[in-house]
């Protein structure tokens, strides 16, 4: 079973930056979508960014982020990082790393816009607070 450990959360002033890391382990066969999702006050859990782990470089983003976030995967360790810049108070919330196995071999496109309920494995979350 896949395990995910997040780190890097903390407090930052508006306009600041943070780098979150997700360290996965316990992969089985096949390909996965690994995503960063967040739970912000008063909203449903939403996807932030994701990467498809097939040895390529297929990444996806929530358009509402306006290019402020960047996701990447280290090919050696499989660690998935989320670099966040231009943080705003509205970005405050709990950020989760999650993984879903591509059971039907749909390919990278399937990773785009996955609903939170479709992710099988979840980390504990790391909090992000943006305030003056």
C-alpha atoms as a PDB file:
ATOM      1  CA  UNK A   1       0.000   0.000   0.000  1.00  0.00           C
ATOM      2  CA  UNK A   2       1.225   3.466  -0.875  1.00  0.00           C
ATOM      3  CA  UNK A   3       2.278   5.750   1.937  1.00  0.00           C
ATOM      4  CA  UNK A   4       2.697   9.488   1.550  1.00  0.00           C
ATOM      5  CA  UNK A   5       4.510  11.847   3.887  1.00  0.00           C
ATOM      6  CA  UNK A   6       4.191  15.605   3.438  1.00  0.00           C
ATOM      7  CA  UNK A   7       6.465  18.305   4.759  1.00  0.00           C
ATOM      8  CA  UNK A   8       7.230  21.973   4.245  1.00  0.00           C
ATOM      9  CA  UNK A   9       4.097  23.656   5.503  1.00  0.00           C
ATOM     10  CA  UNK A  10       4.248  26.697   7.706  1.00  0.00           C
ATOM     11  CA  UNK A  11       3.352  30.351   8.046  1.00  0.00           C
ATOM     12  CA  UNK A  12       4.229  33.034   5.537  1.00  0.00           C
ATOM     13  CA  UNK A  13       3.278  36.638   4.828  1.00  0.00           C
ATOM     14  CA  UNK A  14       1.211  37.555   1.775  1.00  0.00           C
ATOM     15  CA  UNK A  15       3.358  37.456  -1.328  1.00  0.00           C
ATOM     16  CA  UNK A  16       5.701  34.923   0.188  1.00  0.00           C
ATOM     17  CA  UNK A  17       6.717  31.465  -0.972  1.00  0.00           C
ATOM     18  CA  UNK A  18       6.740  27.929   0.362  1.00  0.00           C
ATOM     19  CA  UNK A  19       7.969  24.604  -0.936  1.00  0.00           C
ATOM     20  CA  UNK A  20       5.994  21.514   0.014  1.00  0.00           C
ATOM     21  CA  UNK A  21       7.373  18.011  -0.394  1.00  0.00           C
ATOM     22  CA  UNK A  22       5.646  14.648  -0.666  1.00  0.00           C
ATOM     23  CA  UNK A  23       7.661  11.482  -0.128  1.00  0.00           C
ATOM     24  CA  UNK A  24       5.840   8.405  -1.441  1.00  0.00           C
ATOM     25  CA  UNK A  25       6.644   4.780  -0.747  1.00  0.00           C
ATOM     26  CA  UNK A  26       5.089   1.364  -1.237  1.00  0.00           C
ATOM     27  CA  UNK A  27       4.271   1.660  -4.936  1.00  0.00           C
ATOM     28  CA  UNK A  28       2.824  -1.363  -6.661  1.00  0.00           C
ATOM     29  CA  UNK A  29       2.776  -2.004 -10.381  1.00  0.00           C
ATOM     30  CA  UNK A  30       1.429   0.427 -12.903  1.00  0.00           C
ATOM     31  CA  UNK A  31       1.266   4.197 -13.091  1.00  0.00           C
ATOM     32  CA  UNK A  32      -0.058   6.718 -10.624  1.00  0.00           C
ATOM     33  CA  UNK A  33      -1.395  10.202 -10.463  1.00  0.00           C
ATOM     34  CA  UNK A  34       0.152  12.005  -7.511  1.00  0.00           C
ATOM     35  CA  UNK A  35      -1.564  15.215  -6.619  1.00  0.00           C
ATOM     36  CA  UNK A  36      -1.476  18.084  -4.209  1.00  0.00           C
ATOM     37  CA  UNK A  37      -4.906  19.000  -2.934  1.00  0.00           C
ATOM     38  CA  UNK A  38      -6.036  21.464  -0.339  1.00  0.00           C
ATOM     39  CA  UNK A  39      -8.813  22.072   2.120  1.00  0.00           C
ATOM     40  CA  UNK A  40      -9.483  25.764   2.678  1.00  0.00           C
ATOM     41  CA  UNK A  41     -12.060  27.233   5.068  1.00  0.00           C
ATOM     42  CA  UNK A  42     -15.574  27.155   3.701  1.00  0.00           C
ATOM     43  CA  UNK A  43     -14.695  25.212   0.559  1.00  0.00           C
ATOM     44  CA  UNK A  44     -14.714  21.636  -0.635  1.00  0.00           C
ATOM     45  CA  UNK A  45     -11.414  19.897  -0.973  1.00  0.00           C
ATOM     46  CA  UNK A  46      -9.924  20.833  -4.321  1.00  0.00           C
ATOM     47  CA  UNK A  47      -7.063  19.803  -6.525  1.00  0.00           C
ATOM     48  CA  UNK A  48      -4.089  22.127  -6.842  1.00  0.00           C
ATOM     49  CA  UNK A  49      -1.670  20.284  -9.111  1.00  0.00           C
ATOM     50  CA  UNK A  50      -0.771  16.754 -10.139  1.00  0.00           C
ATOM     51  CA  UNK A  51       1.858  14.723 -11.928  1.00  0.00           C
ATOM     52  CA  UNK A  52       1.525  11.415 -13.784  1.00  0.00           C
ATOM     53  CA  UNK A  53       4.235   8.951 -12.809  1.00  0.00           C
ATOM     54  CA  UNK A  54       5.008   7.124 -16.035  1.00  0.00           C
ATOM     55  CA  UNK A  55       8.579   8.308 -16.466  1.00  0.00           C
ATOM     56  CA  UNK A  56       7.442  11.305 -18.465  1.00  0.00           C
ATOM     57  CA  UNK A  57       6.713  14.851 -17.419  1.00  0.00           C
ATOM     58  CA  UNK A  58       2.940  15.245 -17.552  1.00  0.00           C
ATOM     59  CA  UNK A  59       1.849  17.835 -15.015  1.00  0.00           C
ATOM     60  CA  UNK A  60      -1.457  19.590 -14.465  1.00  0.00           C
ATOM     61  CA  UNK A  61      -2.647  22.661 -12.599  1.00  0.00           C
ATOM     62  CA  UNK A  62      -5.794  24.310 -11.409  1.00  0.00           C
ATOM     63  CA  UNK A  63      -6.252  27.265 -13.754  1.00  0.00           C
ATOM     64  CA  UNK A  64      -7.335  29.490 -10.892  1.00  0.00           C
ATOM     65  CA  UNK A  65      -3.805  29.496  -9.494  1.00  0.00           C
ATOM     66  CA  UNK A  66      -2.627  31.733 -12.355  1.00  0.00           C
ATOM     67  CA  UNK A  67       0.782  30.132 -12.629  1.00  0.00           C
ATOM     68  CA  UNK A  68       1.750  30.682  -9.010  1.00  0.00           C
ATOM     69  CA  UNK A  69       2.280  27.008  -8.222  1.00  0.00           C
ATOM     70  CA  UNK A  70       4.708  24.542  -9.773  1.00  0.00           C
ATOM     71  CA  UNK A  71       4.767  20.764  -9.320  1.00  0.00           C
ATOM     72  CA  UNK A  72       7.707  18.500 -10.060  1.00  0.00           C
ATOM     73  CA  UNK A  73       8.940  14.997  -9.327  1.00  0.00           C
ATOM     74  CA  UNK A  74      12.458  13.856  -8.539  1.00  0.00           C
ATOM     75  CA  UNK A  75      13.080  10.855 -10.782  1.00  0.00           C
ATOM     76  CA  UNK A  76      15.519   9.269  -8.334  1.00  0.00           C
ATOM     77  CA  UNK A  77      13.499   9.504  -5.125  1.00  0.00           C
ATOM     78  CA  UNK A  78       9.972   9.957  -6.523  1.00  0.00           C
ATOM     79  CA  UNK A  79       9.518  12.903  -4.192  1.00  0.00           C
ATOM     80  CA  UNK A  80       6.869  15.291  -5.489  1.00  0.00           C
ATOM     81  CA  UNK A  81       7.389  18.952  -4.689  1.00  0.00           C
ATOM     82  CA  UNK A  82       4.939  21.813  -4.871  1.00  0.00           C
ATOM     83  CA  UNK A  83       6.555  25.222  -5.132  1.00  0.00           C
ATOM     84  CA  UNK A  84       4.187  28.015  -4.215  1.00  0.00           C
ATOM     85  CA  UNK A  85       4.768  31.705  -4.773  1.00  0.00           C
ATOM     86  CA  UNK A  86       2.727  34.863  -4.487  1.00  0.00           C
ATOM     87  CA  UNK A  87       0.793  33.300  -1.643  1.00  0.00           C
ATOM     88  CA  UNK A  88      -2.387  35.007  -0.561  1.00  0.00           C
ATOM     89  CA  UNK A  89      -4.555  34.696   2.551  1.00  0.00           C
ATOM     90  CA  UNK A  90      -7.049  32.713   0.463  1.00  0.00           C
ATOM     91  CA  UNK A  91      -4.382  30.029   0.033  1.00  0.00           C
ATOM     92  CA  UNK A  92      -4.478  29.276   3.741  1.00  0.00           C
ATOM     93  CA  UNK A  93      -5.504  25.730   4.495  1.00  0.00           C
ATOM     94  CA  UNK A  94      -4.427  22.142   4.859  1.00  0.00           C
ATOM     95  CA  UNK A  95      -2.472  20.783   1.924  1.00  0.00           C
ATOM     96  CA  UNK A  96      -2.526  17.079   1.173  1.00  0.00           C
ATOM     97  CA  UNK A  97      -0.513  14.800  -1.017  1.00  0.00           C
ATOM     98  CA  UNK A  98      -2.594  12.016  -2.524  1.00  0.00           C
ATOM     99  CA  UNK A  99      -2.133   9.191  -5.012  1.00  0.00           C
ATOM    100  CA  UNK A 100      -4.393   7.263  -7.359  1.00  0.00           C
ATOM    101  CA  UNK A 101      -3.439   4.226  -9.398  1.00  0.00           C
ATOM    102  CA  UNK A 102      -4.337   4.240 -13.081  1.00  0.00           C
ATOM    103  CA  UNK A 103      -6.241   0.965 -12.868  1.00  0.00           C
ATOM    104  CA  UNK A 104      -7.650   1.171 -16.374  1.00  0.00           C
ATOM    105  CA  UNK A 105      -4.483   2.299 -18.122  1.00  0.00           C
ATOM    106  CA  UNK A 106      -6.042   5.529 -19.290  1.00  0.00           C
ATOM    107  CA  UNK A 107      -2.806   7.467 -19.480  1.00  0.00           C
ATOM    108  CA  UNK A 108      -1.672  10.883 -18.363  1.00  0.00           C
ATOM    109  CA  UNK A 109      -4.811  12.734 -19.435  1.00  0.00           C
ATOM    110  CA  UNK A 110      -6.774  10.882 -16.774  1.00  0.00           C
ATOM    111  CA  UNK A 111      -4.674  12.579 -14.105  1.00  0.00           C
ATOM    112  CA  UNK A 112      -5.963  15.999 -15.073  1.00  0.00           C
ATOM    113  CA  UNK A 113      -8.757  17.199 -12.834  1.00  0.00           C
ATOM    114  CA  UNK A 114      -9.173  14.027 -10.802  1.00  0.00           C
ATOM    115  CA  UNK A 115     -11.863  14.427  -8.197  1.00  0.00           C
ATOM    116  CA  UNK A 116     -10.578  14.194  -4.620  1.00  0.00           C
ATOM    117  CA  UNK A 117     -12.726  11.106  -4.038  1.00  0.00           C
ATOM    118  CA  UNK A 118     -10.805   9.265  -6.746  1.00  0.00           C
ATOM    119  CA  UNK A 119      -7.525   9.373  -4.866  1.00  0.00           C
ATOM    120  CA  UNK A 120      -6.945   6.136  -2.984  1.00  0.00           C
ATOM    121  CA  UNK A 121      -4.033   7.070  -0.764  1.00  0.00           C
ATOM    122  CA  UNK A 122      -3.602  10.175   1.337  1.00  0.00           C
ATOM    123  CA  UNK A 123      -0.980  11.762   3.503  1.00  0.00           C
ATOM    124  CA  UNK A 124      -1.746  13.379   6.822  1.00  0.00           C
ATOM    125  CA  UNK A 125      -1.561  16.885   5.392  1.00  0.00           C
ATOM    126  CA  UNK A 126       0.660  19.861   6.080  1.00  0.00           C
ATOM    127  CA  UNK A 127      -0.791  23.236   7.084  1.00  0.00           C
ATOM    128  CA  UNK A 128      -0.182  26.472   5.231  1.00  0.00           C
ATOM    129  CA  UNK A 129      -1.036  29.812   6.791  1.00  0.00           C
ATOM    130  CA  UNK A 130      -0.763  33.081   4.890  1.00  0.00           C
ATOM    131  CA  UNK A 131      -1.294  36.179   7.011  1.00  0.00           C
ATOM    132  CA  UNK A 132       0.251  39.505   7.912  1.00  0.00           C
END
